[in-house]
Amino acid sequence: MEANVILEYFDKLNDENAMFIEFRNRGQLLVDNNDIVRVNGSLIEIKSDSIGVYISELDEIIGLKICNRVDLINKAILGEIAEQMGDS
């Protein structure tokens, strides 16, 4: 993925939303406007209080998705409830 596309999406983030970065290995990383995103050549560095520092090659990124924080919180809560029900 091109660095300018990632940085444009990151610049659009505010307190109401966050961005999922999807990787070729099917992993995802949640980034918000409090994080720091830097690009140096073919590498991207993401600094976050929650994950620390994450470095990857740009061509490993296959998708970006901006999500509303309220939706993310609701999905997390529903996932926890489903997990707890599965344990009983």
N, C-alpha and C. Protein backbone atom coordinates (compact mmCIF):
# COMPACT_ATOMS: atom_id res chain seq x y z
N MET A 1 0.86 -1.17 0.00
CA MET A 1 0.00 0.00 0.00
C MET A 1 0.90 1.23 0.00
N GLU A 2 0.41 2.31 -0.57
CA GLU A 2 1.19 3.54 -0.65
C GLU A 2 1.13 4.31 0.67
N ALA A 3 2.26 4.89 1.03
CA ALA A 3 2.37 5.61 2.30
C ALA A 3 1.41 6.79 2.37
N ASN A 4 1.25 7.51 1.27
CA ASN A 4 0.38 8.70 1.32
C ASN A 4 -1.08 8.33 1.59
N VAL A 5 -1.53 7.16 1.15
CA VAL A 5 -2.90 6.72 1.42
C VAL A 5 -3.07 6.46 2.91
N ILE A 6 -2.11 5.76 3.51
CA ILE A 6 -2.18 5.45 4.94
C ILE A 6 -2.17 6.73 5.75
N LEU A 7 -1.28 7.66 5.41
CA LEU A 7 -1.18 8.91 6.15
C LEU A 7 -2.43 9.78 5.97
N GLU A 8 -3.05 9.76 4.80
CA GLU A 8 -4.30 10.50 4.59
C GLU A 8 -5.41 9.96 5.48
N TYR A 9 -5.54 8.63 5.55
CA TYR A 9 -6.55 8.03 6.43
C TYR A 9 -6.26 8.38 7.88
N PHE A 10 -4.99 8.29 8.28
CA PHE A 10 -4.62 8.60 9.66
C PHE A 10 -4.95 10.05 10.00
N ASP A 11 -4.72 10.96 9.07
CA ASP A 11 -5.01 12.38 9.31
C ASP A 11 -6.50 12.64 9.49
N LYS A 12 -7.35 11.77 8.98
CA LYS A 12 -8.80 11.95 9.10
C LYS A 12 -9.35 11.48 10.45
N LEU A 13 -8.53 10.81 11.25
CA LEU A 13 -9.01 10.29 12.53
C LEU A 13 -9.24 11.42 13.52
N ASN A 14 -10.27 11.23 14.35
CA ASN A 14 -10.57 12.19 15.42
C ASN A 14 -10.99 11.41 16.65
N ASP A 15 -11.53 12.09 17.65
CA ASP A 15 -11.91 11.42 18.89
C ASP A 15 -13.07 10.44 18.71
N GLU A 16 -13.80 10.54 17.62
CA GLU A 16 -14.98 9.70 17.42
C GLU A 16 -14.71 8.43 16.63
N ASN A 17 -13.51 8.31 16.04
CA ASN A 17 -13.26 7.13 15.23
C ASN A 17 -11.83 6.61 15.40
N ALA A 18 -11.60 5.44 14.85
CA ALA A 18 -10.30 4.79 14.86
C ALA A 18 -10.15 4.04 13.54
N MET A 19 -8.96 3.53 13.28
CA MET A 19 -8.69 2.89 12.00
C MET A 19 -8.09 1.50 12.22
N PHE A 20 -8.64 0.52 11.53
CA PHE A 20 -8.05 -0.80 11.49
C PHE A 20 -7.09 -0.84 10.31
N ILE A 21 -5.89 -1.33 10.56
CA ILE A 21 -4.92 -1.60 9.50
C ILE A 21 -4.89 -3.12 9.36
N GLU A 22 -5.15 -3.62 8.16
CA GLU A 22 -5.18 -5.05 7.92
C GLU A 22 -3.91 -5.47 7.19
N PHE A 23 -3.31 -6.58 7.67
CA PHE A 23 -2.05 -7.05 7.13
C PHE A 23 -2.23 -8.32 6.32
N ARG A 24 -1.27 -8.59 5.47
CA ARG A 24 -1.29 -9.76 4.59
C ARG A 24 -1.42 -11.06 5.39
N ASN A 25 -0.87 -11.11 6.60
CA ASN A 25 -0.93 -12.33 7.43
C ASN A 25 -2.26 -12.45 8.18
N ARG A 26 -3.24 -11.64 7.80
CA ARG A 26 -4.59 -11.60 8.37
C ARG A 26 -4.64 -10.93 9.74
N GLY A 27 -3.54 -10.36 10.18
CA GLY A 27 -3.53 -9.62 11.44
C GLY A 27 -4.14 -8.24 11.26
N GLN A 28 -4.58 -7.66 12.35
CA GLN A 28 -5.14 -6.31 12.33
C GLN A 28 -4.54 -5.50 13.46
N LEU A 29 -4.44 -4.22 13.24
CA LEU A 29 -3.93 -3.30 14.24
C LEU A 29 -4.89 -2.13 14.32
N LEU A 30 -5.30 -1.77 15.53
CA LEU A 30 -6.22 -0.65 15.73
C LEU A 30 -5.40 0.59 16.05
N VAL A 31 -5.60 1.65 15.28
CA VAL A 31 -4.86 2.90 15.43
C VAL A 31 -5.85 4.03 15.67
N ASP A 32 -5.53 4.92 16.61
CA ASP A 32 -6.40 6.08 16.81
C ASP A 32 -5.58 7.37 16.71
N ASN A 33 -6.25 8.49 16.90
CA ASN A 33 -5.60 9.78 16.69
C ASN A 33 -4.56 10.10 17.77
N ASN A 34 -4.46 9.31 18.83
CA ASN A 34 -3.43 9.51 19.85
C ASN A 34 -2.13 8.80 19.50
N ASP A 35 -2.16 7.94 18.49
CA ASP A 35 -0.97 7.19 18.08
C ASP A 35 -0.12 8.04 17.15
N ILE A 36 1.09 7.57 16.91
CA ILE A 36 2.01 8.26 16.00
C ILE A 36 2.32 7.29 14.86
N VAL A 37 2.16 7.77 13.63
CA VAL A 37 2.45 6.97 12.44
C VAL A 37 3.54 7.68 11.65
N ARG A 38 4.62 6.95 11.38
CA ARG A 38 5.74 7.49 10.58
C ARG A 38 6.05 6.52 9.46
N VAL A 39 6.43 7.09 8.32
CA VAL A 39 6.84 6.28 7.18
C VAL A 39 8.26 6.66 6.82
N ASN A 40 9.10 5.63 6.64
CA ASN A 40 10.48 5.86 6.23
C ASN A 40 10.80 4.85 5.13
N GLY A 41 10.82 5.34 3.91
CA GLY A 41 11.05 4.45 2.77
C GLY A 41 9.92 3.45 2.63
N SER A 42 10.25 2.16 2.73
CA SER A 42 9.23 1.13 2.59
C SER A 42 8.72 0.62 3.93
N LEU A 43 9.12 1.27 5.02
CA LEU A 43 8.71 0.85 6.36
C LEU A 43 7.72 1.82 6.97
N ILE A 44 6.80 1.28 7.77
CA ILE A 44 5.87 2.10 8.53
C ILE A 44 6.07 1.77 10.01
N GLU A 45 6.12 2.81 10.83
CA GLU A 45 6.29 2.65 12.27
C GLU A 45 5.06 3.24 12.95
N ILE A 46 4.46 2.47 13.84
CA ILE A 46 3.28 2.92 14.58
C ILE A 46 3.62 2.85 16.06
N LYS A 47 3.52 4.00 16.73
CA LYS A 47 3.76 4.07 18.17
C LYS A 47 2.43 4.28 18.86
N SER A 48 2.15 3.43 19.85
CA SER A 48 0.89 3.49 20.56
C SER A 48 1.12 3.18 22.03
N ASP A 49 0.36 3.83 22.90
CA ASP A 49 0.46 3.51 24.32
C ASP A 49 0.01 2.09 24.60
N SER A 50 -0.94 1.58 23.80
CA SER A 50 -1.49 0.25 24.07
C SER A 50 -0.63 -0.88 23.50
N ILE A 51 0.05 -0.66 22.36
CA ILE A 51 0.83 -1.75 21.75
C ILE A 51 2.33 -1.51 21.78
N GLY A 52 2.76 -0.33 22.13
CA GLY A 52 4.19 -0.01 22.06
C GLY A 52 4.54 0.44 20.66
N VAL A 53 5.63 -0.10 20.11
CA VAL A 53 6.07 0.26 18.76
C VAL A 53 5.88 -0.94 17.85
N TYR A 54 5.26 -0.70 16.70
CA TYR A 54 5.02 -1.74 15.71
C TYR A 54 5.62 -1.27 14.39
N ILE A 55 6.46 -2.09 13.78
CA ILE A 55 7.10 -1.74 12.50
C ILE A 55 6.79 -2.83 11.49
N SER A 56 6.42 -2.40 10.28
CA SER A 56 6.09 -3.34 9.21
C SER A 56 6.48 -2.72 7.88
N GLU A 57 6.55 -3.56 6.87
CA GLU A 57 6.76 -3.06 5.52
C GLU A 57 5.42 -2.62 4.95
N LEU A 58 5.44 -1.56 4.16
CA LEU A 58 4.21 -1.03 3.59
C LEU A 58 3.48 -2.04 2.72
N ASP A 59 4.23 -2.87 1.99
CA ASP A 59 3.55 -3.82 1.10
C ASP A 59 2.90 -4.98 1.85
N GLU A 60 3.08 -5.05 3.18
CA GLU A 60 2.38 -6.05 4.00
C GLU A 60 0.96 -5.58 4.37
N ILE A 61 0.69 -4.29 4.18
CA ILE A 61 -0.63 -3.73 4.50
C ILE A 61 -1.54 -3.91 3.29
N ILE A 62 -2.69 -4.55 3.54
CA ILE A 62 -3.61 -4.81 2.41
C ILE A 62 -4.93 -4.06 2.53
N GLY A 63 -5.19 -3.42 3.68
CA GLY A 63 -6.46 -2.72 3.81
C GLY A 63 -6.50 -1.76 4.98
N LEU A 64 -7.35 -0.76 4.85
CA LEU A 64 -7.59 0.22 5.91
C LEU A 64 -9.09 0.38 6.07
N LYS A 65 -9.52 0.55 7.31
CA LYS A 65 -10.94 0.75 7.54
C LYS A 65 -11.11 1.67 8.74
N ILE A 66 -11.82 2.78 8.53
CA ILE A 66 -12.12 3.70 9.63
C ILE A 66 -13.45 3.28 10.24
N CYS A 67 -13.46 3.15 11.57
CA CYS A 67 -14.65 2.70 12.29
C CYS A 67 -15.00 3.70 13.39
N ASN A 68 -16.28 3.75 13.70
CA ASN A 68 -16.77 4.57 14.79
C ASN A 68 -16.41 3.90 16.12
N ARG A 69 -15.89 4.67 17.08
CA ARG A 69 -15.47 4.11 18.37
C ARG A 69 -16.62 3.45 19.12
N VAL A 70 -17.81 4.02 19.06
CA VAL A 70 -18.96 3.44 19.76
C VAL A 70 -19.24 2.05 19.21
N ASP A 71 -19.19 1.89 17.89
CA ASP A 71 -19.40 0.57 17.29
C ASP A 71 -18.33 -0.42 17.74
N LEU A 72 -17.08 0.04 17.81
CA LEU A 72 -15.99 -0.83 18.25
C LEU A 72 -16.18 -1.29 19.68
N ILE A 73 -16.58 -0.38 20.56
CA ILE A 73 -16.79 -0.72 21.97
C ILE A 73 -17.95 -1.71 22.10
N ASN A 74 -19.03 -1.48 21.37
CA ASN A 74 -20.18 -2.39 21.42
C ASN A 74 -19.80 -3.78 20.93
N LYS A 75 -19.01 -3.87 19.87
CA LYS A 75 -18.58 -5.17 19.36
C LYS A 75 -17.71 -5.88 20.38
N ALA A 76 -16.83 -5.13 21.05
CA ALA A 76 -15.95 -5.73 22.06
C ALA A 76 -16.77 -6.27 23.23
N ILE A 77 -17.74 -5.51 23.67
CA ILE A 77 -18.59 -5.94 24.78
C ILE A 77 -19.39 -7.19 24.39
N LEU A 78 -19.97 -7.18 23.19
CA LEU A 78 -20.73 -8.35 22.73
C LEU A 78 -19.83 -9.58 22.60
N GLY A 79 -18.60 -9.37 22.15
CA GLY A 79 -17.65 -10.47 22.04
C GLY A 79 -17.32 -11.06 23.40
N GLU A 80 -17.16 -10.20 24.40
CA GLU A 80 -16.87 -10.67 25.76
C GLU A 80 -18.06 -11.45 26.32
N ILE A 81 -19.26 -10.95 26.09
CA ILE A 81 -20.46 -11.65 26.58
C ILE A 81 -20.57 -13.02 25.92
N ALA A 82 -20.35 -13.08 24.62
CA ALA A 82 -20.43 -14.37 23.91
C ALA A 82 -19.37 -15.33 24.41
N GLU A 83 -18.18 -14.81 24.69
CA GLU A 83 -17.10 -15.65 25.21
C GLU A 83 -17.46 -16.21 26.58
N GLN A 84 -18.03 -15.37 27.43
CA GLN A 84 -18.42 -15.82 28.78
C GLN A 84 -19.54 -16.85 28.71
N MET A 85 -20.47 -16.66 27.81
CA MET A 85 -21.57 -17.63 27.68
C MET A 85 -21.06 -18.96 27.17
N GLY A 86 -20.03 -18.92 26.34
CA GLY A 86 -19.45 -20.15 25.83
C GLY A 86 -18.71 -20.93 26.89
N ASP A 87 -18.22 -20.25 27.92
CA ASP A 87 -17.49 -20.91 29.00
C ASP A 87 -18.41 -21.60 30.00
N SER A 88 -19.70 -21.26 30.02
CA SER A 88 -20.60 -21.86 31.01
C SER A 88 -21.22 -23.16 30.56
